[in-house]
Amino acid sequence: MTTEQIPSVADRTARPTVSTGRTGSAERRRSSMTARRHRAFYMFVSPWIIGFLLLTIVPMAYALWLSFTTFDGISPHWKYVGLGNYRELLNDSVTWDALGRAGLFAVTSVPLSIIAGLGLAVLVNRPIRARGLFRTLLYLPAVVPPVGAGIAFKNLFDQNAGATNGVLTLFGFDALGWLADPYARYVLIMTVLWGAGNIMIISLAGLQDVPRELHEAARIDGASAWRTFRSITVPLLSPVLLFQTVTGVIASVQTIMPLLLAPISTTGGVTTVPQSNYLYMIHVFAQYFALGRYGYASALLWVLFVLILIATGLIFKFTSGVVFYNVDPEAKK
C-alpha cells in the first residue's frame, strides 16, 4: 500500500466533524418544523380558547364572586356576605322543592326520550319505502327553536281555544286545564318527547355502525329479534346511550320550557308557573329577574354546577360495567 492510499490523521478526524454538522442541521430542521406545527396548532385552536376564556371561565368566575355578595344588578350599595347565600340556600325549602322537581323531571324525561328516540331509529333503519322522507319528518321538530315549540304547545293546549280541548269536546269530554296543575307536568313531558328526533339521529348513526355479521350469526343460531336487539344491538349502542343519558340529564335540569308553556299571567314582572313545573332553573330565573337577587341566584347556579358534576361522575361510575367500547377508552397510545 502506498503512502497516498493511507488516510492521514487529519482526514480521519475531519470526517466526524462533517457528520456532526449534518446531524445538527437535520436536528435544527426538525426543531423548526415542530415549532411551526405547534404555532399552527395554537393558531387554529386560539379562537376556541379565547371564546372559552371570555364566554365560560370569566362569567363563571364573575358568578362565583357574585355568590358571595348581596349585589342586585343595579344598586351600588352591596356588601360581601361570604357564605351567607349558601347558608340561606341550605335552609330554603323552596329551593330544595324546586331541585327535587327538576330531579324527578330528569329521571322521567331522560329515559322516555331515549327510548322514544331509539325506537324511532330502529323503525327508520329498516329497509322501507320513503325512508329518507320519514327520517326528515321525524327529525324536523328537533330543529324548531324552543321558543317556537313552546308557543306552539301553549296554543295547542290552551284551555279555551286549544286544538286538544277542541277534540275532547267534540267527543263529549270536558275541556281540561292542560297548562295548570296537575296536567302541566304532562304537557312538559310531551314537549320533550316531541323533540326526540335529535336522539333518533344519534341512535341511527350508532345502529348503522353495528356489524351485520353479528345479526346474521344470531339469526343462524336461532335467536329471536328481541334477543338479538337486547344482547347485540343494545350493548354495542351502550356508549351512545351513555352519551345521551349524560347530556339529557344536564339539559333536563337546566330547562326553562315551563316559562314558555305558562299561562299569560305575571307576578312581579315574571310569568307565573304552575307549581308542578316550578323547576330549579325557574327558581333561579325568578331570583334574578323578579327579585333582583343576583348574589343568591349565582349561588344557586354554582350549587347546580357542582350537583351536575357529581351526577355525571355517578353515572360514569355506575355504568362502567355495562358500557362496552370497541377500544379501551383509557388505553395509552
Protein backbone atom coordinates (compact mmCIF):
# COMPACT_ATOMS: atom_id res chain seq x y z
CA MET A 1 0.00 0.00 0.00
CA THR A 2 1.43 3.36 -0.97
CA THR A 3 1.62 6.34 1.24
CA GLU A 4 -1.06 8.15 -0.74
CA GLN A 5 -3.60 5.36 -0.02
CA ILE A 6 -3.27 5.63 3.76
CA PRO A 7 -5.70 8.27 5.13
CA SER A 8 -3.99 10.85 7.20
CA VAL A 9 -4.87 11.63 10.79
CA ALA A 10 -6.37 14.94 9.68
CA ASP A 11 -8.68 13.16 7.24
CA ARG A 12 -9.81 10.67 9.89
CA THR A 13 -10.58 13.43 12.35
CA ALA A 14 -12.31 15.66 9.76
CA ARG A 15 -14.98 13.13 8.79
CA PRO A 16 -16.81 13.10 12.14
CA THR A 17 -16.83 16.89 12.02
CA VAL A 18 -18.73 16.86 8.71
CA SER A 19 -21.17 14.21 10.03
CA THR A 20 -21.80 16.21 13.22
CA GLY A 21 -22.57 19.29 11.16
CA ARG A 22 -25.10 17.43 9.04
CA THR A 23 -26.72 15.93 12.14
CA GLY A 24 -27.01 19.34 13.77
CA SER A 25 -28.56 20.79 10.63
CA ALA A 26 -31.12 17.97 10.49
CA GLU A 27 -31.96 18.48 14.15
CA ARG A 28 -32.45 22.21 13.58
CA ARG A 29 -34.78 21.48 10.65
CA ARG A 30 -36.81 19.05 12.73
CA SER A 31 -36.96 21.55 15.59
CA SER A 32 -38.10 24.29 13.22
CA MET A 33 -40.75 22.03 11.70
CA THR A 34 -42.02 21.06 15.17
CA ALA A 35 -42.19 24.72 16.16
CA ARG A 36 -44.19 25.52 13.02
CA ARG A 37 -46.60 22.69 13.80
CA HIS A 38 -47.05 23.98 17.33
CA ARG A 39 -47.68 27.51 16.08
CA ALA A 40 -50.21 26.24 13.55
CA PHE A 41 -51.97 24.18 16.21
CA TYR A 42 -52.32 27.08 18.65
CA MET A 43 -53.33 29.41 15.83
CA PHE A 44 -56.23 27.12 14.86
CA VAL A 45 -57.39 26.47 18.44
CA SER A 46 -56.92 30.06 19.63
CA PRO A 47 -60.49 31.15 18.65
CA TRP A 48 -61.92 28.37 20.81
CA ILE A 49 -59.50 29.11 23.66
CA ILE A 50 -60.33 32.83 23.58
CA GLY A 51 -64.06 32.10 23.41
CA PHE A 52 -63.81 29.57 26.24
CA LEU A 53 -61.96 32.05 28.44
CA LEU A 54 -64.18 35.05 27.69
CA LEU A 55 -67.55 33.28 27.46
CA THR A 56 -67.13 30.50 30.03
CA ILE A 57 -64.30 30.98 32.53
CA VAL A 58 -64.77 34.73 33.04
CA PRO A 59 -68.59 34.54 33.51
CA MET A 60 -68.22 31.58 35.87
CA ALA A 61 -65.61 33.43 37.92
CA TYR A 62 -67.81 36.54 37.97
CA ALA A 63 -70.83 34.48 39.09
CA LEU A 64 -68.71 32.88 41.81
CA TRP A 65 -67.72 36.32 43.08
CA LEU A 66 -71.36 37.49 42.97
CA SER A 67 -72.42 34.47 45.02
CA PHE A 68 -70.53 35.94 47.99
CA THR A 69 -72.29 39.32 47.77
CA THR A 70 -75.75 40.91 48.01
CA PHE A 71 -75.45 42.56 44.58
CA ASP A 72 -78.83 43.22 42.93
CA GLY A 73 -77.62 44.18 39.46
CA ILE A 74 -78.41 47.89 39.78
CA SER A 75 -77.69 49.41 43.16
CA PRO A 76 -74.08 50.27 44.02
CA HIS A 77 -74.87 49.53 47.65
CA TRP A 78 -73.96 45.91 48.11
CA LYS A 79 -71.84 44.09 50.63
CA TYR A 80 -69.76 40.98 50.91
CA VAL A 81 -71.58 38.26 52.88
CA GLY A 82 -69.18 35.35 52.45
CA LEU A 83 -71.05 32.07 52.61
CA GLY A 84 -74.28 33.75 53.67
CA ASN A 85 -76.06 32.99 50.40
CA TYR A 86 -75.05 29.35 50.59
CA ARG A 87 -76.25 29.06 54.19
CA GLU A 88 -79.57 30.58 53.18
CA LEU A 89 -79.78 28.16 50.27
CA LEU A 90 -79.36 25.17 52.55
CA ASN A 91 -82.29 26.35 54.69
CA ASP A 92 -84.56 27.37 51.78
CA SER A 93 -87.32 24.79 51.37
CA VAL A 94 -88.49 26.35 48.08
CA THR A 95 -85.06 25.77 46.58
CA TRP A 96 -84.95 22.12 47.59
CA ASP A 97 -88.51 21.53 46.39
CA ALA A 98 -87.60 23.03 43.01
CA LEU A 99 -84.45 20.90 42.89
CA GLY A 100 -86.49 17.79 43.69
CA ARG A 101 -88.93 18.55 40.88
CA ALA A 102 -86.00 19.07 38.49
CA GLY A 103 -84.53 15.73 39.54
CA LEU A 104 -87.87 13.98 39.11
CA PHE A 105 -88.28 15.59 35.70
CA ALA A 106 -84.81 14.37 34.68
CA VAL A 107 -85.47 10.83 35.93
CA THR A 108 -88.75 10.76 33.99
CA SER A 109 -87.97 12.61 30.78
CA VAL A 110 -84.47 11.29 30.00
CA PRO A 111 -85.37 7.55 29.86
CA LEU A 112 -88.59 8.27 27.96
CA SER A 113 -86.81 10.43 25.38
CA ILE A 114 -84.01 7.87 24.93
CA ILE A 115 -86.49 5.02 24.50
CA ALA A 116 -88.57 7.07 22.05
CA GLY A 117 -85.53 8.15 20.04
CA LEU A 118 -84.10 4.63 19.92
CA GLY A 119 -87.47 3.19 18.89
CA LEU A 120 -87.78 5.69 16.06
CA ALA A 121 -84.20 4.95 14.99
CA VAL A 122 -84.94 1.22 14.82
CA LEU A 123 -88.02 1.89 12.69
CA VAL A 124 -86.34 4.21 10.17
CA ASN A 125 -83.30 1.93 9.98
CA ARG A 126 -85.40 -0.77 8.35
CA PRO A 127 -85.47 -1.05 4.53
CA ILE A 128 -88.83 0.68 4.00
CA ARG A 129 -90.02 2.86 1.14
CA ALA A 130 -89.51 6.65 1.53
CA ARG A 131 -87.19 6.02 4.44
CA GLY A 132 -85.34 9.30 3.89
CA LEU A 133 -88.60 11.25 3.98
CA PHE A 134 -89.62 9.67 7.29
CA ARG A 135 -86.21 10.43 8.76
CA THR A 136 -86.51 14.06 7.74
CA LEU A 137 -90.04 14.45 9.11
CA LEU A 138 -89.18 12.82 12.42
CA TYR A 139 -86.06 14.92 12.83
CA LEU A 140 -87.76 18.18 11.84
CA PRO A 141 -89.15 19.00 15.33
CA ALA A 142 -85.62 18.89 16.74
CA VAL A 143 -84.57 21.90 14.66
CA VAL A 144 -87.54 24.03 15.72
CA PRO A 145 -86.39 26.77 18.14
CA PRO A 146 -87.51 26.18 21.74
CA VAL A 147 -89.44 29.45 21.75
CA GLY A 148 -91.43 28.38 18.70
CA ALA A 149 -92.05 24.94 20.17
CA GLY A 150 -93.21 26.46 23.47
CA ILE A 151 -95.63 28.85 21.77
CA ALA A 152 -96.97 26.06 19.56
CA PHE A 153 -97.64 23.77 22.53
CA LYS A 154 -99.11 26.65 24.50
CA ASN A 155 -101.62 27.34 21.73
CA LEU A 156 -102.26 23.63 21.20
CA PHE A 157 -103.15 23.01 24.86
CA ASP A 158 -104.88 26.30 25.58
CA GLN A 159 -107.96 25.65 27.71
CA ASN A 160 -110.28 27.92 25.75
CA ALA A 161 -109.05 27.86 22.16
CA GLY A 162 -106.62 24.92 22.02
CA ALA A 163 -106.99 22.16 19.45
CA THR A 164 -106.60 19.47 22.13
CA ASN A 165 -109.66 20.62 24.08
CA GLY A 166 -111.48 21.07 20.80
CA VAL A 167 -111.04 17.37 20.06
CA LEU A 168 -112.10 16.43 23.60
CA THR A 169 -115.30 18.47 23.44
CA LEU A 170 -116.02 17.03 20.01
CA PHE A 171 -116.22 13.58 21.60
CA GLY A 172 -118.25 14.81 24.57
CA PHE A 173 -115.48 15.24 27.14
CA ASP A 174 -114.95 18.30 29.30
CA ALA A 175 -112.19 20.74 28.44
CA LEU A 176 -109.11 20.36 30.65
CA GLY A 177 -106.75 22.96 32.02
CA TRP A 178 -103.68 21.45 30.40
CA LEU A 179 -101.40 24.34 31.33
CA ALA A 180 -102.34 24.28 35.02
CA ASP A 181 -101.83 21.73 37.75
CA PRO A 182 -101.95 18.74 37.70
CA TYR A 183 -101.73 18.40 33.89
CA ALA A 184 -98.93 20.91 33.25
CA ARG A 185 -96.20 18.36 34.02
CA TYR A 186 -97.55 16.01 31.33
CA VAL A 187 -97.51 18.76 28.73
CA LEU A 188 -93.88 19.41 29.64
CA ILE A 189 -93.04 15.73 29.11
CA MET A 190 -94.79 15.88 25.72
CA THR A 191 -92.56 18.75 24.61
CA VAL A 192 -89.50 16.64 25.43
CA LEU A 193 -90.80 13.62 23.51
CA TRP A 194 -91.78 15.84 20.59
CA GLY A 195 -88.11 16.72 20.12
CA ALA A 196 -86.89 13.11 20.27
CA GLY A 197 -85.70 13.37 16.66
CA ASN A 198 -82.32 14.59 17.86
CA ILE A 199 -81.82 11.38 19.86
CA MET A 200 -83.17 9.41 16.91
CA ILE A 201 -80.43 10.70 14.59
CA ILE A 202 -77.65 9.87 17.04
CA SER A 203 -79.10 6.41 17.73
CA LEU A 204 -79.49 5.82 13.99
CA ALA A 205 -75.80 6.55 13.44
CA GLY A 206 -74.98 4.05 16.17
CA LEU A 207 -77.28 1.40 14.68
CA GLN A 208 -75.65 1.68 11.29
CA ASP A 209 -72.27 1.09 12.92
CA VAL A 210 -73.36 -2.28 14.35
CA PRO A 211 -71.79 -5.08 12.23
CA ARG A 212 -74.39 -7.00 10.23
CA GLU A 213 -72.37 -10.18 10.62
CA LEU A 214 -73.31 -10.35 14.28
CA HIS A 215 -77.03 -10.15 13.49
CA GLU A 216 -76.68 -12.80 10.81
CA ALA A 217 -74.82 -15.10 13.20
CA ALA A 218 -77.55 -14.58 15.82
CA ARG A 219 -80.27 -15.48 13.30
CA ILE A 220 -78.38 -18.61 12.28
CA ASP A 221 -78.18 -19.62 15.95
CA GLY A 222 -81.96 -19.19 16.21
CA ALA A 223 -82.04 -16.04 18.33
CA SER A 224 -85.26 -14.03 18.20
CA ALA A 225 -85.37 -10.42 17.08
CA TRP A 226 -85.82 -9.21 20.66
CA ARG A 227 -82.93 -11.37 21.94
CA THR A 228 -80.71 -10.08 19.13
CA PHE A 229 -81.64 -6.49 19.96
CA ARG A 230 -81.10 -6.97 23.68
CA SER A 231 -77.88 -9.00 23.52
CA ILE A 232 -76.15 -7.45 20.50
CA THR A 233 -77.59 -4.10 19.49
CA VAL A 234 -78.02 -2.53 22.91
CA PRO A 235 -74.52 -3.47 24.23
CA LEU A 236 -72.89 -2.09 21.07
CA LEU A 237 -75.01 1.06 21.43
CA SER A 238 -74.14 1.49 25.10
CA PRO A 239 -71.56 4.30 24.52
CA VAL A 240 -74.18 6.22 22.51
CA LEU A 241 -76.81 5.62 25.20
CA LEU A 242 -74.36 6.79 27.87
CA PHE A 243 -73.71 9.99 25.94
CA GLN A 244 -77.44 10.61 25.55
CA THR A 245 -78.02 9.95 29.25
CA VAL A 246 -75.36 12.40 30.41
CA THR A 247 -76.34 15.17 28.02
CA GLY A 248 -80.03 14.53 28.66
CA VAL A 249 -79.65 14.86 32.43
CA ILE A 250 -77.67 18.09 32.04
CA ALA A 251 -80.25 19.54 29.64
CA SER A 252 -83.28 18.46 31.67
CA VAL A 253 -82.17 20.09 34.94
CA GLN A 254 -81.45 23.31 33.02
CA THR A 255 -84.75 23.53 31.16
CA ILE A 256 -86.77 26.75 31.17
CA MET A 257 -89.54 25.47 28.90
CA PRO A 258 -92.18 25.88 31.67
CA LEU A 259 -91.85 29.65 31.24
CA LEU A 260 -92.89 29.33 27.61
CA LEU A 261 -95.78 26.99 28.45
CA ALA A 262 -97.13 29.03 31.35
CA PRO A 263 -100.46 30.87 31.03
CA ILE A 264 -100.34 34.61 30.39
CA SER A 265 -100.13 35.94 33.94
CA THR A 266 -97.29 37.73 35.66
CA THR A 267 -96.27 38.32 39.24
CA GLY A 268 -93.58 40.87 39.92
CA GLY A 269 -92.74 41.03 36.23
CA VAL A 270 -92.17 37.28 35.89
CA THR A 271 -94.58 34.78 34.37
CA THR A 272 -96.32 32.62 36.96
CA VAL A 273 -95.52 28.95 36.50
CA PRO A 274 -97.70 26.07 37.78
CA GLN A 275 -96.36 24.54 40.97
CA SER A 276 -95.65 21.17 39.34
CA ASN A 277 -93.47 22.90 36.72
CA TYR A 278 -91.64 25.18 39.13
CA LEU A 279 -88.24 23.62 38.44
CA TYR A 280 -84.83 24.64 39.71
CA MET A 281 -83.94 26.90 36.78
CA ILE A 282 -87.32 28.61 37.05
CA HIS A 283 -86.45 29.38 40.66
CA VAL A 284 -83.08 30.77 39.55
CA PHE A 285 -84.81 32.86 36.88
CA ALA A 286 -87.23 34.27 39.49
CA GLN A 287 -84.39 35.17 41.84
CA TYR A 288 -82.55 37.01 39.08
CA PHE A 289 -85.32 38.90 37.32
CA ALA A 290 -88.23 39.06 39.75
CA LEU A 291 -86.37 39.69 42.99
CA GLY A 292 -83.09 41.09 41.67
CA ARG A 293 -81.05 38.85 43.98
CA TYR A 294 -78.05 38.36 41.74
CA GLY A 295 -75.85 37.09 44.56
CA TYR A 296 -78.29 34.46 45.75
CA ALA A 297 -79.14 33.36 42.20
CA SER A 298 -75.44 32.99 41.40
CA ALA A 299 -75.06 30.78 44.46
CA LEU A 300 -77.96 28.67 43.17
CA LEU A 301 -76.22 28.26 39.82
CA TRP A 302 -72.92 27.25 41.39
CA VAL A 303 -74.66 24.65 43.53
CA LEU A 304 -76.34 23.30 40.39
CA PHE A 305 -72.96 23.17 38.64
CA VAL A 306 -71.48 21.09 41.47
CA LEU A 307 -74.52 18.79 41.57
CA ILE A 308 -74.28 18.21 37.81
CA LEU A 309 -70.60 17.29 38.17
CA ILE A 310 -71.48 14.83 40.95
CA ALA A 311 -74.38 13.34 38.96
CA THR A 312 -72.19 12.94 35.88
CA GLY A 313 -69.49 11.23 37.91
CA LEU A 314 -72.01 8.85 39.45
CA ILE A 315 -73.44 7.99 36.03
CA PHE A 316 -69.97 7.12 34.74
CA LYS A 317 -69.19 5.13 37.86
CA PHE A 318 -72.34 3.01 37.90
CA THR A 319 -72.34 2.40 34.14
CA SER A 320 -68.67 1.47 33.81
CA GLY A 321 -69.51 -2.24 33.90
CA VAL A 322 -72.31 -2.13 31.31
CA VAL A 323 -70.82 0.18 28.68
CA PHE A 324 -68.81 -1.63 26.04
CA TYR A 325 -66.26 0.10 23.80
CA ASN A 326 -64.62 -1.19 20.65
CA VAL A 327 -61.34 0.10 22.08
CA ASP A 328 -60.26 0.76 25.63
CA PRO A 329 -61.02 4.46 26.30
CA GLU A 330 -58.30 4.56 28.95
CA ALA A 331 -55.63 2.90 26.84
CA LYS A 332 -52.48 4.93 26.27
CA LYS A 333 -51.40 5.43 22.72
